[in-house]
Amino acid sequence: MPVSDERDDVLLLDVPTAGDYLSVLPTATAAVATRLGFSLDEIEDLRAAVNAAVALLIPPEPGRPRPFRRKPGDEPLHCRLEVGEEALQIVLSRPKGEPLPDAGSYQWQVLKALTDEVDSEVEGALTTIRIRQRRPATEADADTERHQIH
């Protein structure tokens, strides 16, 4: 599902499934959101949403609290940041493996609370989570009051 009929910007990242690399995804998301005029709170919400989506796509290994170890032969996590006229869309995909947790799980609740829209699909050999966040009305209209220190 394209963000708009006209593609403004697309950033593609293939990231190894290791903690040192996975941290690039929320950072890249924050950089794009900053450029689009999102407020600091909105940027932090997007960072948390990306982290929750990664936790859904890469389940923890037994005995490890976080999914930060890459096994030989693991496929990378694919990330597509699409900047459209009305929204920022973040598409995270991994090769089909174990099913995603139930829609009532904690990570899903975090995603739903922090974003305008979120959905998932399994198509062919890929499992995908799609996050969509409306852009501020214009970059000039972005809430700069939140950026000020009082």
N, C-alpha and C. Protein backbone atom coordinates (compact mmCIF):
# COMPACT_ATOMS: atom_id res chain seq x y z
N MET A 1 0.84 -1.16 0.00
CA MET A 1 0.00 0.00 0.00
C MET A 1 0.89 1.24 0.00
N PRO A 2 0.94 2.00 -1.08
CA PRO A 2 1.78 3.19 -1.12
C PRO A 2 1.23 4.27 -0.21
N VAL A 3 2.12 5.13 0.26
CA VAL A 3 1.73 6.23 1.13
C VAL A 3 0.97 7.27 0.32
N SER A 4 1.39 7.49 -0.88
CA SER A 4 0.70 8.43 -1.77
C SER A 4 0.97 7.98 -3.20
N ASP A 5 0.21 8.55 -4.13
CA ASP A 5 0.42 8.20 -5.53
C ASP A 5 1.79 8.66 -6.01
N GLU A 6 2.26 9.76 -5.44
CA GLU A 6 3.56 10.29 -5.82
C GLU A 6 4.57 9.95 -4.72
N ARG A 7 5.62 9.26 -5.08
CA ARG A 7 6.62 8.85 -4.09
C ARG A 7 7.60 10.00 -3.89
N ASP A 8 7.61 10.55 -2.67
CA ASP A 8 8.50 11.66 -2.36
C ASP A 8 9.88 11.14 -1.99
N ASP A 9 9.97 10.36 -0.93
CA ASP A 9 11.22 9.84 -0.42
C ASP A 9 11.02 8.41 0.06
N VAL A 10 12.01 7.58 -0.18
CA VAL A 10 12.00 6.21 0.33
C VAL A 10 13.41 5.89 0.80
N LEU A 11 13.50 5.39 2.03
CA LEU A 11 14.77 4.95 2.59
C LEU A 11 14.66 3.46 2.83
N LEU A 12 15.59 2.69 2.26
CA LEU A 12 15.60 1.23 2.41
C LEU A 12 16.79 0.81 3.25
N LEU A 13 16.53 -0.02 4.25
CA LEU A 13 17.59 -0.54 5.11
C LEU A 13 17.40 -2.04 5.27
N ASP A 14 18.46 -2.80 5.07
CA ASP A 14 18.50 -4.21 5.41
C ASP A 14 19.46 -4.33 6.58
N VAL A 15 18.95 -4.77 7.71
CA VAL A 15 19.71 -4.74 8.95
C VAL A 15 19.87 -6.15 9.51
N PRO A 16 21.10 -6.54 9.85
CA PRO A 16 21.29 -7.83 10.51
C PRO A 16 20.49 -7.88 11.81
N THR A 17 20.03 -9.06 12.17
CA THR A 17 19.20 -9.20 13.37
C THR A 17 20.07 -9.32 14.62
N ALA A 18 20.85 -8.29 14.87
CA ALA A 18 21.69 -8.21 16.06
C ALA A 18 21.48 -6.83 16.68
N GLY A 19 21.55 -6.75 18.00
CA GLY A 19 21.24 -5.52 18.72
C GLY A 19 21.99 -4.30 18.24
N ASP A 20 23.27 -4.47 17.96
CA ASP A 20 24.05 -3.32 17.51
C ASP A 20 23.50 -2.73 16.22
N TYR A 21 22.94 -3.57 15.37
CA TYR A 21 22.41 -3.11 14.10
C TYR A 21 20.94 -2.72 14.20
N LEU A 22 20.18 -3.45 15.01
CA LEU A 22 18.75 -3.15 15.13
C LEU A 22 18.50 -1.75 15.68
N SER A 23 19.43 -1.23 16.47
CA SER A 23 19.26 0.11 17.03
C SER A 23 19.31 1.19 15.94
N VAL A 24 19.77 0.84 14.76
CA VAL A 24 19.80 1.79 13.64
C VAL A 24 18.37 2.14 13.19
N LEU A 25 17.44 1.20 13.33
CA LEU A 25 16.08 1.41 12.81
C LEU A 25 15.34 2.54 13.52
N PRO A 26 15.25 2.55 14.86
CA PRO A 26 14.58 3.69 15.49
C PRO A 26 15.34 5.01 15.29
N THR A 27 16.65 4.94 15.18
CA THR A 27 17.44 6.14 14.95
C THR A 27 17.17 6.71 13.56
N ALA A 28 17.11 5.86 12.56
CA ALA A 28 16.79 6.32 11.20
C ALA A 28 15.37 6.88 11.15
N THR A 29 14.45 6.22 11.83
CA THR A 29 13.07 6.70 11.88
C THR A 29 13.02 8.09 12.51
N ALA A 30 13.74 8.27 13.62
CA ALA A 30 13.77 9.57 14.30
C ALA A 30 14.35 10.65 13.40
N ALA A 31 15.38 10.32 12.66
CA ALA A 31 16.00 11.30 11.77
C ALA A 31 15.02 11.76 10.69
N VAL A 32 14.29 10.81 10.10
CA VAL A 32 13.31 11.16 9.07
C VAL A 32 12.17 11.97 9.68
N ALA A 33 11.67 11.54 10.84
CA ALA A 33 10.56 12.25 11.50
C ALA A 33 10.97 13.67 11.89
N THR A 34 12.21 13.84 12.32
CA THR A 34 12.70 15.18 12.67
C THR A 34 12.66 16.08 11.44
N ARG A 35 13.15 15.56 10.34
CA ARG A 35 13.16 16.34 9.09
C ARG A 35 11.74 16.72 8.66
N LEU A 36 10.76 15.88 9.01
CA LEU A 36 9.37 16.14 8.60
C LEU A 36 8.63 17.05 9.57
N GLY A 37 9.28 17.44 10.67
CA GLY A 37 8.65 18.37 11.59
C GLY A 37 7.82 17.74 12.69
N PHE A 38 7.99 16.45 12.94
CA PHE A 38 7.29 15.82 14.06
C PHE A 38 7.82 16.42 15.36
N SER A 39 6.98 16.47 16.39
CA SER A 39 7.42 16.98 17.69
C SER A 39 8.32 15.95 18.36
N LEU A 40 9.01 16.36 19.40
CA LEU A 40 9.88 15.44 20.14
C LEU A 40 9.09 14.27 20.71
N ASP A 41 7.91 14.53 21.26
CA ASP A 41 7.08 13.44 21.80
C ASP A 41 6.66 12.46 20.69
N GLU A 42 6.28 12.99 19.54
CA GLU A 42 5.88 12.13 18.42
C GLU A 42 7.07 11.29 17.93
N ILE A 43 8.24 11.88 17.91
CA ILE A 43 9.44 11.17 17.48
C ILE A 43 9.75 10.03 18.45
N GLU A 44 9.67 10.29 19.74
CA GLU A 44 9.92 9.24 20.73
C GLU A 44 8.86 8.13 20.64
N ASP A 45 7.62 8.51 20.35
CA ASP A 45 6.57 7.51 20.15
C ASP A 45 6.89 6.62 18.95
N LEU A 46 7.38 7.22 17.87
CA LEU A 46 7.74 6.44 16.68
C LEU A 46 8.93 5.52 16.97
N ARG A 47 9.91 6.00 17.72
CA ARG A 47 11.05 5.15 18.11
C ARG A 47 10.56 3.94 18.91
N ALA A 48 9.67 4.19 19.87
CA ALA A 48 9.14 3.09 20.69
C ALA A 48 8.31 2.13 19.83
N ALA A 49 7.57 2.66 18.88
CA ALA A 49 6.76 1.81 18.00
C ALA A 49 7.66 0.91 17.14
N VAL A 50 8.74 1.46 16.61
CA VAL A 50 9.66 0.66 15.80
C VAL A 50 10.30 -0.43 16.66
N ASN A 51 10.69 -0.08 17.88
CA ASN A 51 11.25 -1.10 18.78
C ASN A 51 10.25 -2.20 19.08
N ALA A 52 8.98 -1.84 19.29
CA ALA A 52 7.94 -2.84 19.55
C ALA A 52 7.73 -3.73 18.33
N ALA A 53 7.75 -3.15 17.14
CA ALA A 53 7.59 -3.94 15.92
C ALA A 53 8.75 -4.91 15.73
N VAL A 54 9.96 -4.45 16.01
CA VAL A 54 11.13 -5.33 15.92
C VAL A 54 10.99 -6.49 16.90
N ALA A 55 10.53 -6.20 18.11
CA ALA A 55 10.34 -7.26 19.11
C ALA A 55 9.30 -8.28 18.66
N LEU A 56 8.30 -7.84 17.90
CA LEU A 56 7.30 -8.76 17.36
C LEU A 56 7.89 -9.63 16.25
N LEU A 57 8.69 -9.02 15.40
CA LEU A 57 9.23 -9.73 14.25
C LEU A 57 10.39 -10.66 14.60
N ILE A 58 11.14 -10.32 15.62
CA ILE A 58 12.30 -11.12 16.01
C ILE A 58 12.08 -11.59 17.44
N PRO A 59 11.49 -12.75 17.61
CA PRO A 59 11.21 -13.23 18.97
C PRO A 59 12.50 -13.50 19.73
N PRO A 60 12.47 -13.35 21.07
CA PRO A 60 13.68 -13.60 21.86
C PRO A 60 14.06 -15.08 21.82
N GLU A 61 15.34 -15.31 21.93
CA GLU A 61 15.83 -16.69 22.02
C GLU A 61 15.59 -17.19 23.43
N PRO A 62 15.39 -18.49 23.60
CA PRO A 62 15.21 -19.03 24.95
C PRO A 62 16.38 -18.64 25.85
N GLY A 63 16.05 -18.15 27.04
CA GLY A 63 17.07 -17.77 28.00
C GLY A 63 17.65 -16.39 27.79
N ARG A 64 17.21 -15.68 26.75
CA ARG A 64 17.70 -14.32 26.49
C ARG A 64 16.50 -13.38 26.48
N PRO A 65 16.57 -12.28 27.22
CA PRO A 65 15.43 -11.37 27.30
C PRO A 65 15.20 -10.55 26.04
N ARG A 66 16.20 -10.36 25.22
CA ARG A 66 16.07 -9.52 24.03
C ARG A 66 16.54 -10.30 22.80
N PRO A 67 16.02 -9.95 21.63
CA PRO A 67 16.38 -10.67 20.41
C PRO A 67 17.65 -10.13 19.76
N PHE A 68 18.75 -10.10 20.52
CA PHE A 68 19.94 -9.40 20.04
C PHE A 68 21.08 -10.30 19.61
N ARG A 69 20.84 -11.54 19.32
CA ARG A 69 21.93 -12.38 18.86
C ARG A 69 21.58 -12.95 17.49
N ARG A 70 22.49 -12.82 16.61
CA ARG A 70 22.28 -13.31 15.26
C ARG A 70 22.92 -14.67 15.12
N LYS A 71 22.15 -15.60 14.58
CA LYS A 71 22.67 -16.93 14.32
C LYS A 71 23.16 -16.98 12.87
N PRO A 72 24.18 -17.79 12.60
CA PRO A 72 24.65 -17.91 11.21
C PRO A 72 23.48 -18.29 10.29
N GLY A 73 23.39 -17.60 9.18
CA GLY A 73 22.35 -17.90 8.21
C GLY A 73 21.07 -17.11 8.42
N ASP A 74 20.94 -16.35 9.51
CA ASP A 74 19.75 -15.54 9.71
C ASP A 74 19.64 -14.49 8.60
N GLU A 75 18.43 -14.31 8.14
CA GLU A 75 18.18 -13.29 7.13
C GLU A 75 18.08 -11.92 7.80
N PRO A 76 18.41 -10.85 7.09
CA PRO A 76 18.30 -9.51 7.68
C PRO A 76 16.84 -9.09 7.83
N LEU A 77 16.63 -8.08 8.65
CA LEU A 77 15.33 -7.45 8.79
C LEU A 77 15.29 -6.33 7.75
N HIS A 78 14.22 -6.24 7.00
CA HIS A 78 14.07 -5.22 5.96
C HIS A 78 13.23 -4.07 6.51
N CYS A 79 13.69 -2.86 6.28
CA CYS A 79 12.95 -1.67 6.72
C CYS A 79 12.81 -0.72 5.53
N ARG A 80 11.61 -0.23 5.37
CA ARG A 80 11.32 0.73 4.30
C ARG A 80 10.61 1.92 4.94
N LEU A 81 11.25 3.08 4.91
CA LEU A 81 10.66 4.32 5.40
C LEU A 81 10.17 5.10 4.18
N GLU A 82 8.86 5.27 4.08
CA GLU A 82 8.26 5.95 2.94
C GLU A 82 7.68 7.28 3.39
N VAL A 83 8.19 8.35 2.81
CA VAL A 83 7.69 9.68 3.12
C VAL A 83 6.69 10.06 2.05
N GLY A 84 5.45 10.16 2.45
CA GLY A 84 4.40 10.58 1.53
C GLY A 84 3.94 11.97 1.86
N GLU A 85 3.08 12.48 1.03
CA GLU A 85 2.57 13.83 1.23
C GLU A 85 1.80 13.96 2.54
N GLU A 86 1.10 12.90 2.93
CA GLU A 86 0.25 12.97 4.12
C GLU A 86 0.76 12.16 5.30
N ALA A 87 1.64 11.19 5.06
CA ALA A 87 2.03 10.29 6.16
C ALA A 87 3.45 9.76 5.98
N LEU A 88 3.99 9.34 7.10
CA LEU A 88 5.24 8.58 7.13
C LEU A 88 4.83 7.13 7.35
N GLN A 89 5.31 6.27 6.49
CA GLN A 89 5.01 4.85 6.63
C GLN A 89 6.30 4.08 6.85
N ILE A 90 6.28 3.21 7.86
CA ILE A 90 7.44 2.40 8.20
C ILE A 90 7.02 0.95 7.99
N VAL A 91 7.71 0.28 7.08
CA VAL A 91 7.38 -1.10 6.75
C VAL A 91 8.56 -1.98 7.15
N LEU A 92 8.32 -2.89 8.09
CA LEU A 92 9.35 -3.80 8.57
C LEU A 92 8.98 -5.21 8.16
N SER A 93 9.93 -5.93 7.55
CA SER A 93 9.66 -7.28 7.06
C SER A 93 10.79 -8.23 7.41
N ARG A 94 10.42 -9.48 7.62
CA ARG A 94 11.39 -10.54 7.83
C ARG A 94 10.92 -11.77 7.09
N PRO A 95 11.86 -12.66 6.79
CA PRO A 95 11.42 -13.91 6.17
C PRO A 95 10.42 -14.62 7.08
N LYS A 96 9.44 -15.22 6.45
CA LYS A 96 8.40 -15.91 7.20
C LYS A 96 9.03 -16.96 8.11
N GLY A 97 8.65 -16.94 9.34
CA GLY A 97 9.15 -17.89 10.32
C GLY A 97 8.03 -18.21 11.28
N GLU A 98 8.32 -18.07 12.56
CA GLU A 98 7.29 -18.29 13.56
C GLU A 98 6.20 -17.24 13.40
N PRO A 99 4.95 -17.61 13.71
CA PRO A 99 3.86 -16.63 13.60
C PRO A 99 4.06 -15.46 14.57
N LEU A 100 3.50 -14.33 14.21
CA LEU A 100 3.55 -13.16 15.09
C LEU A 100 2.71 -13.43 16.33
N PRO A 101 3.07 -12.80 17.45
CA PRO A 101 2.25 -12.95 18.66
C PRO A 101 0.82 -12.48 18.42
N ASP A 102 -0.06 -12.90 19.29
CA ASP A 102 -1.47 -12.54 19.23
C ASP A 102 -1.65 -11.03 19.23
N ALA A 103 -2.68 -10.54 18.56
CA ALA A 103 -2.93 -9.10 18.45
C ALA A 103 -3.18 -8.44 19.80
N GLY A 104 -3.43 -9.20 20.85
CA GLY A 104 -3.64 -8.64 22.17
C GLY A 104 -2.37 -8.57 23.00
N SER A 105 -1.24 -8.95 22.42
CA SER A 105 0.02 -8.96 23.17
C SER A 105 0.46 -7.53 23.51
N TYR A 106 1.37 -7.44 24.46
CA TYR A 106 1.87 -6.14 24.92
C TYR A 106 2.45 -5.31 23.76
N GLN A 107 3.29 -5.93 22.93
CA GLN A 107 3.91 -5.18 21.82
C GLN A 107 2.86 -4.63 20.86
N TRP A 108 1.81 -5.42 20.59
CA TRP A 108 0.75 -4.93 19.70
C TRP A 108 0.01 -3.77 20.35
N GLN A 109 -0.23 -3.86 21.64
CA GLN A 109 -0.91 -2.77 22.33
C GLN A 109 -0.08 -1.49 22.29
N VAL A 110 1.25 -1.62 22.46
CA VAL A 110 2.14 -0.47 22.35
C VAL A 110 2.05 0.13 20.96
N LEU A 111 2.13 -0.71 19.94
CA LEU A 111 2.06 -0.22 18.56
C LEU A 111 0.76 0.53 18.29
N LYS A 112 -0.35 -0.04 18.74
CA LYS A 112 -1.66 0.59 18.49
C LYS A 112 -1.79 1.91 19.24
N ALA A 113 -1.21 1.99 20.43
CA ALA A 113 -1.32 3.21 21.23
C ALA A 113 -0.44 4.34 20.70
N LEU A 114 0.67 4.00 20.07
CA LEU A 114 1.66 5.01 19.67
C LEU A 114 1.53 5.47 18.23
N THR A 115 0.73 4.79 17.43
CA THR A 115 0.68 5.10 16.01
C THR A 115 -0.75 5.34 15.54
N ASP A 116 -0.87 5.99 14.39
CA ASP A 116 -2.20 6.22 13.81
C ASP A 116 -2.78 4.93 13.25
N GLU A 117 -1.96 4.14 12.59
CA GLU A 117 -2.41 2.88 12.01
C GLU A 117 -1.28 1.86 12.08
N VAL A 118 -1.63 0.61 12.30
CA VAL A 118 -0.65 -0.46 12.25
C VAL A 118 -1.37 -1.72 11.77
N ASP A 119 -0.72 -2.46 10.91
CA ASP A 119 -1.27 -3.74 10.47
C ASP A 119 -0.13 -4.69 10.15
N SER A 120 -0.49 -5.92 9.96
CA SER A 120 0.52 -6.93 9.61
C SER A 120 -0.05 -7.84 8.54
N GLU A 121 0.87 -8.51 7.85
CA GLU A 121 0.46 -9.49 6.85
C GLU A 121 1.57 -10.49 6.64
N VAL A 122 1.16 -11.65 6.22
CA VAL A 122 2.11 -12.68 5.79
C VAL A 122 1.79 -12.92 4.33
N GLU A 123 2.77 -12.62 3.49
CA GLU A 123 2.56 -12.77 2.05
C GLU A 123 3.79 -13.44 1.46
N GLY A 124 3.56 -14.53 0.80
CA GLY A 124 4.69 -15.25 0.22
C GLY A 124 5.65 -15.67 1.30
N ALA A 125 6.91 -15.26 1.17
CA ALA A 125 7.95 -15.65 2.12
C ALA A 125 8.23 -14.57 3.16
N LEU A 126 7.39 -13.51 3.22
CA LEU A 126 7.66 -12.41 4.14
C LEU A 126 6.54 -12.19 5.15
N THR A 127 6.94 -11.86 6.37
CA THR A 127 6.02 -11.38 7.40
C THR A 127 6.31 -9.89 7.54
N THR A 128 5.26 -9.07 7.46
CA THR A 128 5.42 -7.63 7.43
C THR A 128 4.56 -6.94 8.47
N ILE A 129 5.13 -5.92 9.10
CA ILE A 129 4.38 -5.01 9.96
C ILE A 129 4.49 -3.63 9.34
N ARG A 130 3.34 -2.98 9.18
CA ARG A 130 3.28 -1.66 8.53
C ARG A 130 2.76 -0.65 9.55
N ILE A 131 3.53 0.40 9.79
CA ILE A 131 3.17 1.48 10.70
C ILE A 131 2.95 2.73 9.86
N ARG A 132 1.86 3.42 10.13
CA ARG A 132 1.56 4.65 9.38
C ARG A 132 1.26 5.77 10.37
N GLN A 133 1.97 6.88 10.22
CA GLN A 133 1.79 8.04 11.10
C GLN A 133 1.57 9.28 10.24
N ARG A 134 0.45 9.97 10.50
CA ARG A 134 0.18 11.20 9.74
C ARG A 134 1.26 12.25 10.01
N ARG A 135 1.63 12.96 8.96
CA ARG A 135 2.61 14.03 9.08
C ARG A 135 1.96 15.26 9.70
N PRO A 136 2.76 16.10 10.37
CA PRO A 136 2.22 17.40 10.82
C PRO A 136 1.71 18.15 9.60
N ALA A 137 0.74 19.05 9.81
CA ALA A 137 0.09 19.76 8.71
C ALA A 137 1.12 20.32 7.72
N THR A 138 2.08 21.05 8.21
CA THR A 138 3.21 21.49 7.40
C THR A 138 4.40 21.55 8.34
N GLU A 139 5.56 21.57 7.79
CA GLU A 139 6.75 21.65 8.63
C GLU A 139 6.72 22.95 9.45
N ALA A 140 6.22 24.02 8.87
CA ALA A 140 6.15 25.29 9.58
C ALA A 140 5.11 25.24 10.71
N ASP A 141 4.07 24.40 10.56
CA ASP A 141 3.02 24.29 11.57
C ASP A 141 3.36 23.28 12.67
N ALA A 142 4.49 22.60 12.56
CA ALA A 142 4.85 21.61 13.57
C ALA A 142 4.90 22.25 14.95
N ASP A 143 4.56 21.50 15.95
CA ASP A 143 4.48 22.02 17.31
C ASP A 143 5.87 22.28 17.86
N THR A 144 6.35 23.50 17.69
CA THR A 144 7.70 23.84 18.17
C THR A 144 7.69 24.21 19.64
N GLU A 145 6.52 24.45 20.22
CA GLU A 145 6.44 24.78 21.65
C GLU A 145 7.02 23.64 22.48
N ARG A 146 6.83 22.39 22.07
CA ARG A 146 7.35 21.25 22.82
C ARG A 146 8.86 21.19 22.79
N HIS A 147 9.47 21.84 21.82
CA HIS A 147 10.93 21.81 21.68
C HIS A 147 11.61 22.81 22.61
N GLN A 148 10.85 23.70 23.21
CA GLN A 148 11.45 24.75 24.05
C GLN A 148 11.62 24.25 25.48
N ILE A 149 12.71 24.68 26.09
CA ILE A 149 12.97 24.36 27.49
C ILE A 149 12.51 25.55 28.32
N HIS A 150 11.66 25.28 29.30
CA HIS A 150 11.12 26.37 30.13
C HIS A 150 11.80 26.37 31.48
